[in-house]
Structures are given as structure tokens and as C-alpha cells.
Amino acid sequence: MKTNVGLTDKIIRVLVAVLIASLYFMGKIDGTLSIILLIIATIFIATSFISFCPIYSIFGLSSKNK
């Protein structure tokens, strides 16, 4: 598995995930929307830790500096 997520992309993904989690725990989002956003946040965290995004791979993209 070739890494395709750069440092800036990782930081943005983690910040978005933290924002989503904060909104959920503060009660600003709920219901189906909260479930969908929490799944997205989990995916963002996972892809930032493993430095690989399957969607980037499908489209041949990379945010990693070469």
C-alpha cells in the first residue's frame, strides 16, 4: 500500500474530525446526520494515521510531496 496522504492533508483531516466530534458532544448535531458525520470523522482519523486514502488511490491522486 503506497502512501498518498501528505502532512497538510493529515492535519486538515484530524481538525475536521475533531470539529465533527465536538459538535456531536456539544449536542449541536444529532440523528442520522450525526451518525453519518461520525462515520466520516472516523474515516478521516483512520486515513490520516495510515497515510492512505482509498479514494485518492482510485482517482490516482496524492497530496504527499514527492
PDB file of N, CA and C in Angstrom:
ATOM      1  N   MET A   1       0.855  -1.170   0.000  1.00  0.00           N
ATOM      2  CA  MET A   1       0.000   0.000   0.000  1.00  0.00           C
ATOM      3  C   MET A   1       0.899   1.231   0.000  1.00  0.00           C
ATOM      4  N   LYS A   2       0.820   2.005  -1.040  1.00  0.00           N
ATOM      5  CA  LYS A   2       1.634   3.202  -1.195  1.00  0.00           C
ATOM      6  C   LYS A   2       0.928   4.382  -0.527  1.00  0.00           C
ATOM      7  N   THR A   3       1.652   5.123   0.299  1.00  0.00           N
ATOM      8  CA  THR A   3       1.032   6.264   0.986  1.00  0.00           C
ATOM      9  C   THR A   3       0.699   7.364  -0.015  1.00  0.00           C
ATOM     10  N   ASN A   4      -0.425   8.042   0.211  1.00  0.00           N
ATOM     11  CA  ASN A   4      -0.836   9.109  -0.699  1.00  0.00           C
ATOM     12  C   ASN A   4      -1.460  10.301   0.034  1.00  0.00           C
ATOM     13  N   VAL A   5      -1.268  10.376   1.348  1.00  0.00           N
ATOM     14  CA  VAL A   5      -1.810  11.481   2.141  1.00  0.00           C
ATOM     15  C   VAL A   5      -0.648  12.249   2.754  1.00  0.00           C
ATOM     16  N   GLY A   6      -0.534  13.531   2.401  1.00  0.00           N
ATOM     17  CA  GLY A   6       0.546  14.363   2.901  1.00  0.00           C
ATOM     18  C   GLY A   6       0.251  14.951   4.274  1.00  0.00           C
ATOM     19  N   LEU A   7       1.252  15.642   4.829  1.00  0.00           N
ATOM     20  CA  LEU A   7       1.151  16.190   6.175  1.00  0.00           C
ATOM     21  C   LEU A   7       0.013  17.208   6.302  1.00  0.00           C
ATOM     22  N   THR A   8      -0.087  18.134   5.364  1.00  0.00           N
ATOM     23  CA  THR A   8      -1.150  19.148   5.422  1.00  0.00           C
ATOM     24  C   THR A   8      -2.523  18.488   5.358  1.00  0.00           C
ATOM     25  N   ASP A   9      -2.653  17.507   4.497  1.00  0.00           N
ATOM     26  CA  ASP A   9      -3.910  16.771   4.358  1.00  0.00           C
ATOM     27  C   ASP A   9      -4.254  16.051   5.662  1.00  0.00           C
ATOM     28  N   LYS A  10      -3.259  15.457   6.311  1.00  0.00           N
ATOM     29  CA  LYS A  10      -3.478  14.777   7.592  1.00  0.00           C
ATOM     30  C   LYS A  10      -3.994  15.754   8.645  1.00  0.00           C
ATOM     31  N   ILE A  11      -3.355  16.917   8.731  1.00  0.00           N
ATOM     32  CA  ILE A  11      -3.751  17.921   9.720  1.00  0.00           C
ATOM     33  C   ILE A  11      -5.188  18.367   9.489  1.00  0.00           C
ATOM     34  N   ILE A  12      -5.539  18.616   8.236  1.00  0.00           N
ATOM     35  CA  ILE A  12      -6.900  19.047   7.907  1.00  0.00           C
ATOM     36  C   ILE A  12      -7.911  17.956   8.264  1.00  0.00           C
ATOM     37  N   ARG A  13      -7.597  16.711   7.953  1.00  0.00           N
ATOM     38  CA  ARG A  13      -8.498  15.598   8.260  1.00  0.00           C
ATOM     39  C   ARG A  13      -8.735  15.468   9.767  1.00  0.00           C
ATOM     40  N   VAL A  14      -7.669  15.578  10.550  1.00  0.00           N
ATOM     41  CA  VAL A  14      -7.802  15.471  12.008  1.00  0.00           C
ATOM     42  C   VAL A  14      -8.611  16.643  12.552  1.00  0.00           C
ATOM     43  N   LEU A  15      -8.348  17.853  12.069  1.00  0.00           N
ATOM     44  CA  LEU A  15      -9.093  19.019  12.543  1.00  0.00           C
ATOM     45  C   LEU A  15     -10.582  18.908  12.218  1.00  0.00           C
ATOM     46  N   VAL A  16     -10.906  18.443  11.024  1.00  0.00           N
ATOM     47  CA  VAL A  16     -12.313  18.263  10.645  1.00  0.00           C
ATOM     48  C   VAL A  16     -12.962  17.206  11.537  1.00  0.00           C
ATOM     49  N   ALA A  17     -12.247  16.118  11.800  1.00  0.00           N
ATOM     50  CA  ALA A  17     -12.783  15.057  12.661  1.00  0.00           C
ATOM     51  C   ALA A  17     -13.018  15.569  14.081  1.00  0.00           C
ATOM     52  N   VAL A  18     -12.091  16.356  14.600  1.00  0.00           N
ATOM     53  CA  VAL A  18     -12.250  16.931  15.939  1.00  0.00           C
ATOM     54  C   VAL A  18     -13.433  17.893  15.963  1.00  0.00           C
ATOM     55  N   LEU A  19     -13.602  18.681  14.921  1.00  0.00           N
ATOM     56  CA  LEU A  19     -14.738  19.605  14.836  1.00  0.00           C
ATOM     57  C   LEU A  19     -16.059  18.841  14.836  1.00  0.00           C
ATOM     58  N   ILE A  20     -16.135  17.779  14.044  1.00  0.00           N
ATOM     59  CA  ILE A  20     -17.358  16.974  13.993  1.00  0.00           C
ATOM     60  C   ILE A  20     -17.650  16.355  15.360  1.00  0.00           C
ATOM     61  N   ALA A  21     -16.623  15.796  15.993  1.00  0.00           N
ATOM     62  CA  ALA A  21     -16.810  15.188  17.318  1.00  0.00           C
ATOM     63  C   ALA A  21     -17.254  16.232  18.339  1.00  0.00           C
ATOM     64  N   SER A  22     -16.664  17.422  18.271  1.00  0.00           N
ATOM     65  CA  SER A  22     -17.039  18.495  19.199  1.00  0.00           C
ATOM     66  C   SER A  22     -18.500  18.888  19.024  1.00  0.00           C
ATOM     67  N   LEU A  23     -18.921  19.037  17.778  1.00  0.00           N
ATOM     68  CA  LEU A  23     -20.317  19.381  17.509  1.00  0.00           C
ATOM     69  C   LEU A  23     -21.262  18.304  18.029  1.00  0.00           C
ATOM     70  N   TYR A  24     -20.861  17.043  17.873  1.00  0.00           N
ATOM     71  CA  TYR A  24     -21.695  15.943  18.358  1.00  0.00           C
ATOM     72  C   TYR A  24     -21.799  15.963  19.882  1.00  0.00           C
ATOM     73  N   PHE A  25     -20.657  16.070  20.560  1.00  0.00           N
ATOM     74  CA  PHE A  25     -20.672  16.011  22.018  1.00  0.00           C
ATOM     75  C   PHE A  25     -21.280  17.251  22.667  1.00  0.00           C
ATOM     76  N   MET A  26     -21.313  18.373  21.936  1.00  0.00           N
ATOM     77  CA  MET A  26     -21.982  19.576  22.444  1.00  0.00           C
ATOM     78  C   MET A  26     -23.476  19.556  22.141  1.00  0.00           C
ATOM     79  N   GLY A  27     -23.924  18.545  21.382  1.00  0.00           N
ATOM     80  CA  GLY A  27     -25.343  18.414  21.076  1.00  0.00           C
ATOM     81  C   GLY A  27     -25.820  19.285  19.929  1.00  0.00           C
ATOM     82  N   LYS A  28     -24.891  19.787  19.134  1.00  0.00           N
ATOM     83  CA  LYS A  28     -25.266  20.655  18.003  1.00  0.00           C
ATOM     84  C   LYS A  28     -25.763  19.869  16.801  1.00  0.00           C
ATOM     85  N   ILE A  29     -25.328  18.607  16.682  1.00  0.00           N
ATOM     86  CA  ILE A  29     -25.816  17.740  15.617  1.00  0.00           C
ATOM     87  C   ILE A  29     -26.358  16.466  16.264  1.00  0.00           C
ATOM     88  N   ASP A  30     -27.416  15.935  15.675  1.00  0.00           N
ATOM     89  CA  ASP A  30     -27.981  14.694  16.204  1.00  0.00           C
ATOM     90  C   ASP A  30     -28.711  13.946  15.098  1.00  0.00           C
ATOM     91  N   GLY A  31     -29.203  12.789  15.419  1.00  0.00           N
ATOM     92  CA  GLY A  31     -29.959  11.983  14.468  1.00  0.00           C
ATOM     93  C   GLY A  31     -29.083  11.345  13.412  1.00  0.00           C
ATOM     94  N   THR A  32     -29.673  11.136  12.252  1.00  0.00           N
ATOM     95  CA  THR A  32     -28.982  10.487  11.146  1.00  0.00           C
ATOM     96  C   THR A  32     -27.766  11.281  10.697  1.00  0.00           C
ATOM     97  N   LEU A  33     -27.876  12.593  10.692  1.00  0.00           N
ATOM     98  CA  LEU A  33     -26.752  13.445  10.300  1.00  0.00           C
ATOM     99  C   LEU A  33     -25.539  13.194  11.189  1.00  0.00           C
ATOM    100  N   SER A  34     -25.766  13.068  12.472  1.00  0.00           N
ATOM    101  CA  SER A  34     -24.645  12.855  13.385  1.00  0.00           C
ATOM    102  C   SER A  34     -23.976  11.508  13.139  1.00  0.00           C
ATOM    103  N   ILE A  35     -24.748  10.486  12.841  1.00  0.00           N
ATOM    104  CA  ILE A  35     -24.182   9.172  12.568  1.00  0.00           C
ATOM    105  C   ILE A  35     -23.317   9.214  11.310  1.00  0.00           C
ATOM    106  N   ILE A  36     -23.836   9.834  10.269  1.00  0.00           N
ATOM    107  CA  ILE A  36     -23.089   9.946   9.017  1.00  0.00           C
ATOM    108  C   ILE A  36     -21.800  10.738   9.229  1.00  0.00           C
ATOM    109  N   LEU A  37     -21.887  11.863   9.922  1.00  0.00           N
ATOM    110  CA  LEU A  37     -20.707  12.691  10.160  1.00  0.00           C
ATOM    111  C   LEU A  37     -19.688  11.997  11.056  1.00  0.00           C
ATOM    112  N   LEU A  38     -20.145  11.234  12.040  1.00  0.00           N
ATOM    113  CA  LEU A  38     -19.212  10.497  12.897  1.00  0.00           C
ATOM    114  C   LEU A  38     -18.507   9.384  12.120  1.00  0.00           C
ATOM    115  N   ILE A  39     -19.187   8.766  11.184  1.00  0.00           N
ATOM    116  CA  ILE A  39     -18.546   7.760  10.328  1.00  0.00           C
ATOM    117  C   ILE A  39     -17.480   8.422   9.471  1.00  0.00           C
ATOM    118  N   ILE A  40     -17.803   9.580   8.902  1.00  0.00           N
ATOM    119  CA  ILE A  40     -16.833  10.329   8.099  1.00  0.00           C
ATOM    120  C   ILE A  40     -15.639  10.738   8.958  1.00  0.00           C
ATOM    121  N   ALA A  41     -15.895  11.200  10.171  1.00  0.00           N
ATOM    122  CA  ALA A  41     -14.809  11.597  11.074  1.00  0.00           C
ATOM    123  C   ALA A  41     -13.909  10.409  11.392  1.00  0.00           C
ATOM    124  N   THR A  42     -14.495   9.250  11.615  1.00  0.00           N
ATOM    125  CA  THR A  42     -13.712   8.044  11.889  1.00  0.00           C
ATOM    126  C   THR A  42     -12.840   7.675  10.690  1.00  0.00           C
ATOM    127  N   ILE A  43     -13.393   7.778   9.510  1.00  0.00           N
ATOM    128  CA  ILE A  43     -12.628   7.501   8.291  1.00  0.00           C
ATOM    129  C   ILE A  43     -11.487   8.498   8.143  1.00  0.00           C
ATOM    130  N   PHE A  44     -11.758   9.777   8.413  1.00  0.00           N
ATOM    131  CA  PHE A  44     -10.708  10.800   8.335  1.00  0.00           C
ATOM    132  C   PHE A  44      -9.567  10.497   9.297  1.00  0.00           C
ATOM    133  N   ILE A  45      -9.899  10.123  10.521  1.00  0.00           N
ATOM    134  CA  ILE A  45      -8.861   9.795  11.509  1.00  0.00           C
ATOM    135  C   ILE A  45      -8.057   8.582  11.048  1.00  0.00           C
ATOM    136  N   ALA A  46      -8.749   7.545  10.601  1.00  0.00           N
ATOM    137  CA  ALA A  46      -8.068   6.319  10.169  1.00  0.00           C
ATOM    138  C   ALA A  46      -7.141   6.585   8.981  1.00  0.00           C
ATOM    139  N   THR A  47      -7.632   7.307   7.981  1.00  0.00           N
ATOM    140  CA  THR A  47      -6.811   7.566   6.803  1.00  0.00           C
ATOM    141  C   THR A  47      -5.639   8.493   7.117  1.00  0.00           C
ATOM    142  N   SER A  48      -5.802   9.364   8.083  1.00  0.00           N
ATOM    143  CA  SER A  48      -4.672  10.227   8.442  1.00  0.00           C
ATOM    144  C   SER A  48      -3.595   9.453   9.187  1.00  0.00           C
ATOM    145  N   PHE A  49      -3.970   8.456   9.987  1.00  0.00           N
ATOM    146  CA  PHE A  49      -2.978   7.668  10.719  1.00  0.00           C
ATOM    147  C   PHE A  49      -2.242   6.674   9.822  1.00  0.00           C
ATOM    148  N   ILE A  50      -2.932   6.108   8.835  1.00  0.00           N
ATOM    149  CA  ILE A  50      -2.266   5.144   7.965  1.00  0.00           C
ATOM    150  C   ILE A  50      -1.684   5.802   6.708  1.00  0.00           C
ATOM    151  N   SER A  51      -1.936   7.094   6.517  1.00  0.00           N
ATOM    152  CA  SER A  51      -1.408   7.871   5.381  1.00  0.00           C
ATOM    153  C   SER A  51      -1.833   7.315   4.028  1.00  0.00           C
ATOM    154  N   PHE A  52      -2.997   6.709   3.993  1.00  0.00           N
ATOM    155  CA  PHE A  52      -3.504   6.151   2.741  1.00  0.00           C
ATOM    156  C   PHE A  52      -4.995   6.424   2.625  1.00  0.00           C
ATOM    157  N   CYS A  53      -5.399   6.971   1.483  1.00  0.00           N
ATOM    158  CA  CYS A  53      -6.810   7.230   1.209  1.00  0.00           C
ATOM    159  C   CYS A  53      -7.220   6.424  -0.022  1.00  0.00           C
ATOM    160  N   PRO A  54      -8.130   5.464   0.155  1.00  0.00           N
ATOM    161  CA  PRO A  54      -8.551   4.638  -0.988  1.00  0.00           C
ATOM    162  C   PRO A  54      -9.169   5.447  -2.129  1.00  0.00           C
ATOM    163  N   ILE A  55      -9.869   6.507  -1.808  1.00  0.00           N
ATOM    164  CA  ILE A  55     -10.488   7.331  -2.857  1.00  0.00           C
ATOM    165  C   ILE A  55      -9.410   8.017  -3.695  1.00  0.00           C
ATOM    166  N   TYR A  56      -8.360   8.519  -3.032  1.00  0.00           N
ATOM    167  CA  TYR A  56      -7.240   9.094  -3.768  1.00  0.00           C
ATOM    168  C   TYR A  56      -6.634   8.044  -4.697  1.00  0.00           C
ATOM    169  N   SER A  57      -6.503   6.831  -4.208  1.00  0.00           N
ATOM    170  CA  SER A  57      -5.909   5.745  -4.988  1.00  0.00           C
ATOM    171  C   SER A  57      -6.741   5.452  -6.233  1.00  0.00           C
ATOM    172  N   ILE A  58      -8.052   5.427  -6.096  1.00  0.00           N
ATOM    173  CA  ILE A  58      -8.940   5.142  -7.223  1.00  0.00           C
ATOM    174  C   ILE A  58      -8.766   6.172  -8.331  1.00  0.00           C
ATOM    175  N   PHE A  59      -8.642   7.451  -7.939  1.00  0.00           N
ATOM    176  CA  PHE A  59      -8.529   8.526  -8.925  1.00  0.00           C
ATOM    177  C   PHE A  59      -7.083   8.891  -9.252  1.00  0.00           C
ATOM    178  N   GLY A  60      -6.121   8.178  -8.682  1.00  0.00           N
ATOM    179  CA  GLY A  60      -4.720   8.439  -8.955  1.00  0.00           C
ATOM    180  C   GLY A  60      -4.201   9.736  -8.373  1.00  0.00           C
ATOM    181  N   LEU A  61      -4.795  10.190  -7.274  1.00  0.00           N
ATOM    182  CA  LEU A  61      -4.403  11.435  -6.638  1.00  0.00           C
ATOM    183  C   LEU A  61      -3.428  11.188  -5.495  1.00  0.00           C
ATOM    184  N   SER A  62      -2.711  12.233  -5.107  1.00  0.00           N
ATOM    185  CA  SER A  62      -1.838  12.161  -3.950  1.00  0.00           C
ATOM    186  C   SER A  62      -1.613  13.571  -3.442  1.00  0.00           C
ATOM    187  N   SER A  63      -1.654  13.743  -2.126  1.00  0.00           N
ATOM    188  CA  SER A  63      -1.355  15.045  -1.540  1.00  0.00           C
ATOM    189  C   SER A  63       0.016  15.014  -0.871  1.00  0.00           C
ATOM    190  N   LYS A  64       0.715  13.902  -1.043  1.00  0.00           N
ATOM    191  CA  LYS A  64       2.036  13.735  -0.451  1.00  0.00           C
ATOM    192  C   LYS A  64       3.086  14.340  -1.360  1.00  0.00           C
ATOM    193  N   ASN A  65       4.015  15.098  -0.759  1.00  0.00           N
ATOM    194  CA  ASN A  65       5.116  15.653  -1.536  1.00  0.00           C
ATOM    195  C   ASN A  65       6.045  14.528  -1.971  1.00  0.00           C
ATOM    196  N   LYS A  66       6.498  14.612  -3.176  1.00  0.00           N
ATOM    197  CA  LYS A  66       7.340  13.541  -3.714  1.00  0.00           C
ATOM    198  C   LYS A  66       8.789  13.847  -3.554  1.00  0.00           C
TER     199      LYS A  66
END
